[in-house]
C-alpha cells in the first residue's frame, strides 16, 4: 500500500491528503462503482424518466469515504 506523507515547509501551505486517499480507495469500491454504472445504464434506457441512481451513487462514495476516514484517522493517532 502506498504511504501518505504530508510534508510542509515553513513557507508552504498545508496540502489536503484526502483527494489522494480517495483515489487509493476507489479500486476497493469497484463493486459499488459497477452497481452504479449498471443503474445509470438502466436509467438511460428508461423511457419514463423517473428513475434515478442516487442510492447507488451514495453507496459508492460512502465506501470511498469509509476507506479515506480510516486512513486519515490512522495518521492522527
C-alpha atoms as a PDB file:
ATOM      1  CA  UNK A   1       0.000   0.000   0.000  1.00  0.00           C
ATOM      2  CA  UNK A   2       1.201   3.458  -0.818  1.00  0.00           C
ATOM      3  CA  UNK A   3       2.362   5.598   2.045  1.00  0.00           C
ATOM      4  CA  UNK A   4       0.912   9.038   2.513  1.00  0.00           C
ATOM      5  CA  UNK A   5       3.321  11.681   3.596  1.00  0.00           C
ATOM      6  CA  UNK A   6       2.431  15.228   4.436  1.00  0.00           C
ATOM      7  CA  UNK A   7       5.462  17.431   4.461  1.00  0.00           C
ATOM      8  CA  UNK A   8       5.035  21.118   4.904  1.00  0.00           C
ATOM      9  CA  UNK A   9       7.885  23.551   4.744  1.00  0.00           C
ATOM     10  CA  UNK A  10       7.587  26.689   6.821  1.00  0.00           C
ATOM     11  CA  UNK A  11       6.739  28.808   3.784  1.00  0.00           C
ATOM     12  CA  UNK A  12       4.263  26.380   2.176  1.00  0.00           C
ATOM     13  CA  UNK A  13       0.554  25.927   2.749  1.00  0.00           C
ATOM     14  CA  UNK A  14      -0.500  22.514   4.050  1.00  0.00           C
ATOM     15  CA  UNK A  15      -1.746  20.046   1.448  1.00  0.00           C
ATOM     16  CA  UNK A  16      -5.017  18.186   1.952  1.00  0.00           C
ATOM     17  CA  UNK A  17      -4.268  14.441   1.686  1.00  0.00           C
ATOM     18  CA  UNK A  18      -7.944  13.443   1.300  1.00  0.00           C
ATOM     19  CA  UNK A  19      -8.100  13.527  -2.546  1.00  0.00           C
ATOM     20  CA  UNK A  20      -5.044  11.270  -2.729  1.00  0.00           C
ATOM     21  CA  UNK A  21      -6.502   8.868  -0.160  1.00  0.00           C
ATOM     22  CA  UNK A  22      -9.836   8.800  -2.028  1.00  0.00           C
ATOM     23  CA  UNK A  23      -8.032   7.783  -5.224  1.00  0.00           C
ATOM     24  CA  UNK A  24      -6.386   4.920  -3.322  1.00  0.00           C
ATOM     25  CA  UNK A  25      -9.812   3.760  -2.104  1.00  0.00           C
ATOM     26  CA  UNK A  26     -11.564   3.728  -5.494  1.00  0.00           C
ATOM     27  CA  UNK A  27     -10.274   0.282  -6.540  1.00  0.00           C
ATOM     28  CA  UNK A  28     -11.582  -1.155  -3.257  1.00  0.00           C
ATOM     29  CA  UNK A  29     -15.064   0.136  -4.091  1.00  0.00           C
ATOM     30  CA  UNK A  30     -15.288  -1.439  -7.547  1.00  0.00           C
ATOM     31  CA  UNK A  31     -18.413  -3.431  -6.618  1.00  0.00           C
ATOM     32  CA  UNK A  32     -20.313  -0.241  -5.740  1.00  0.00           C
ATOM     33  CA  UNK A  33     -18.992   1.510  -8.866  1.00  0.00           C
ATOM     34  CA  UNK A  34     -20.202  -1.309 -11.103  1.00  0.00           C
ATOM     35  CA  UNK A  35     -23.630  -1.247  -9.425  1.00  0.00           C
ATOM     36  CA  UNK A  36     -23.825   2.495 -10.036  1.00  0.00           C
ATOM     37  CA  UNK A  37     -22.772   2.160 -13.677  1.00  0.00           C
ATOM     38  CA  UNK A  38     -25.326  -0.605 -14.202  1.00  0.00           C
ATOM     39  CA  UNK A  39     -28.028   1.617 -12.742  1.00  0.00           C
ATOM     40  CA  UNK A  40     -27.005   4.544 -14.935  1.00  0.00           C
ATOM     41  CA  UNK A  41     -27.308   2.332 -17.996  1.00  0.00           C
ATOM     42  CA  UNK A  42     -30.786   1.159 -16.929  1.00  0.00           C
ATOM     43  CA  UNK A  43     -31.924   4.731 -16.283  1.00  0.00           C
ATOM     44  CA  UNK A  44     -30.574   5.919 -19.641  1.00  0.00           C
ATOM     45  CA  UNK A  45     -32.664   3.229 -21.336  1.00  0.00           C
ATOM     46  CA  UNK A  46     -35.780   4.142 -19.310  1.00  0.00           C
ATOM     47  CA  UNK A  47     -38.406   5.898 -21.413  1.00  0.00           C
ATOM     48  CA  UNK A  48     -40.423   7.181 -18.432  1.00  0.00           C
ATOM     49  CA  UNK A  49     -37.503   9.136 -16.977  1.00  0.00           C
ATOM     50  CA  UNK A  50     -38.499   8.958 -13.323  1.00  0.00           C
ATOM     51  CA  UNK A  51     -35.842   6.510 -12.116  1.00  0.00           C
ATOM     52  CA  UNK A  52     -32.555   7.594 -10.587  1.00  0.00           C
ATOM     53  CA  UNK A  53     -29.344   6.146  -9.167  1.00  0.00           C
ATOM     54  CA  UNK A  54     -28.972   8.260  -6.046  1.00  0.00           C
ATOM     55  CA  UNK A  55     -28.715   5.251  -3.727  1.00  0.00           C
ATOM     56  CA  UNK A  56     -26.005   3.581  -5.750  1.00  0.00           C
ATOM     57  CA  UNK A  57     -24.125   6.882  -6.034  1.00  0.00           C
ATOM     58  CA  UNK A  58     -24.165   7.348  -2.270  1.00  0.00           C
ATOM     59  CA  UNK A  59     -23.147   3.708  -1.730  1.00  0.00           C
ATOM     60  CA  UNK A  60     -20.086   4.256  -3.926  1.00  0.00           C
ATOM     61  CA  UNK A  61     -18.996   7.475  -2.247  1.00  0.00           C
ATOM     62  CA  UNK A  62     -19.826   6.069   1.199  1.00  0.00           C
ATOM     63  CA  UNK A  63     -17.411   3.211   0.519  1.00  0.00           C
ATOM     64  CA  UNK A  64     -14.700   5.656  -0.527  1.00  0.00           C
ATOM     65  CA  UNK A  65     -15.373   7.906   2.471  1.00  0.00           C
ATOM     66  CA  UNK A  66     -15.127   4.958   4.895  1.00  0.00           C
ATOM     67  CA  UNK A  67     -11.785   3.952   3.387  1.00  0.00           C
ATOM     68  CA  UNK A  68     -10.491   7.529   3.448  1.00  0.00           C
ATOM     69  CA  UNK A  69     -11.659   8.170   7.006  1.00  0.00           C
ATOM     70  CA  UNK A  70      -9.870   5.092   8.326  1.00  0.00           C
ATOM     71  CA  UNK A  71      -6.630   6.030   6.573  1.00  0.00           C
ATOM     72  CA  UNK A  72      -6.769   9.689   7.599  1.00  0.00           C
ATOM     73  CA  UNK A  73      -7.590   8.986  11.248  1.00  0.00           C
ATOM     74  CA  UNK A  74      -4.805   6.409  11.462  1.00  0.00           C
ATOM     75  CA  UNK A  75      -2.411   9.282  10.890  1.00  0.00           C
ATOM     76  CA  UNK A  76      -3.865  11.308  13.759  1.00  0.00           C
ATOM     77  CA  UNK A  77      -3.257   8.666  16.422  1.00  0.00           C
END
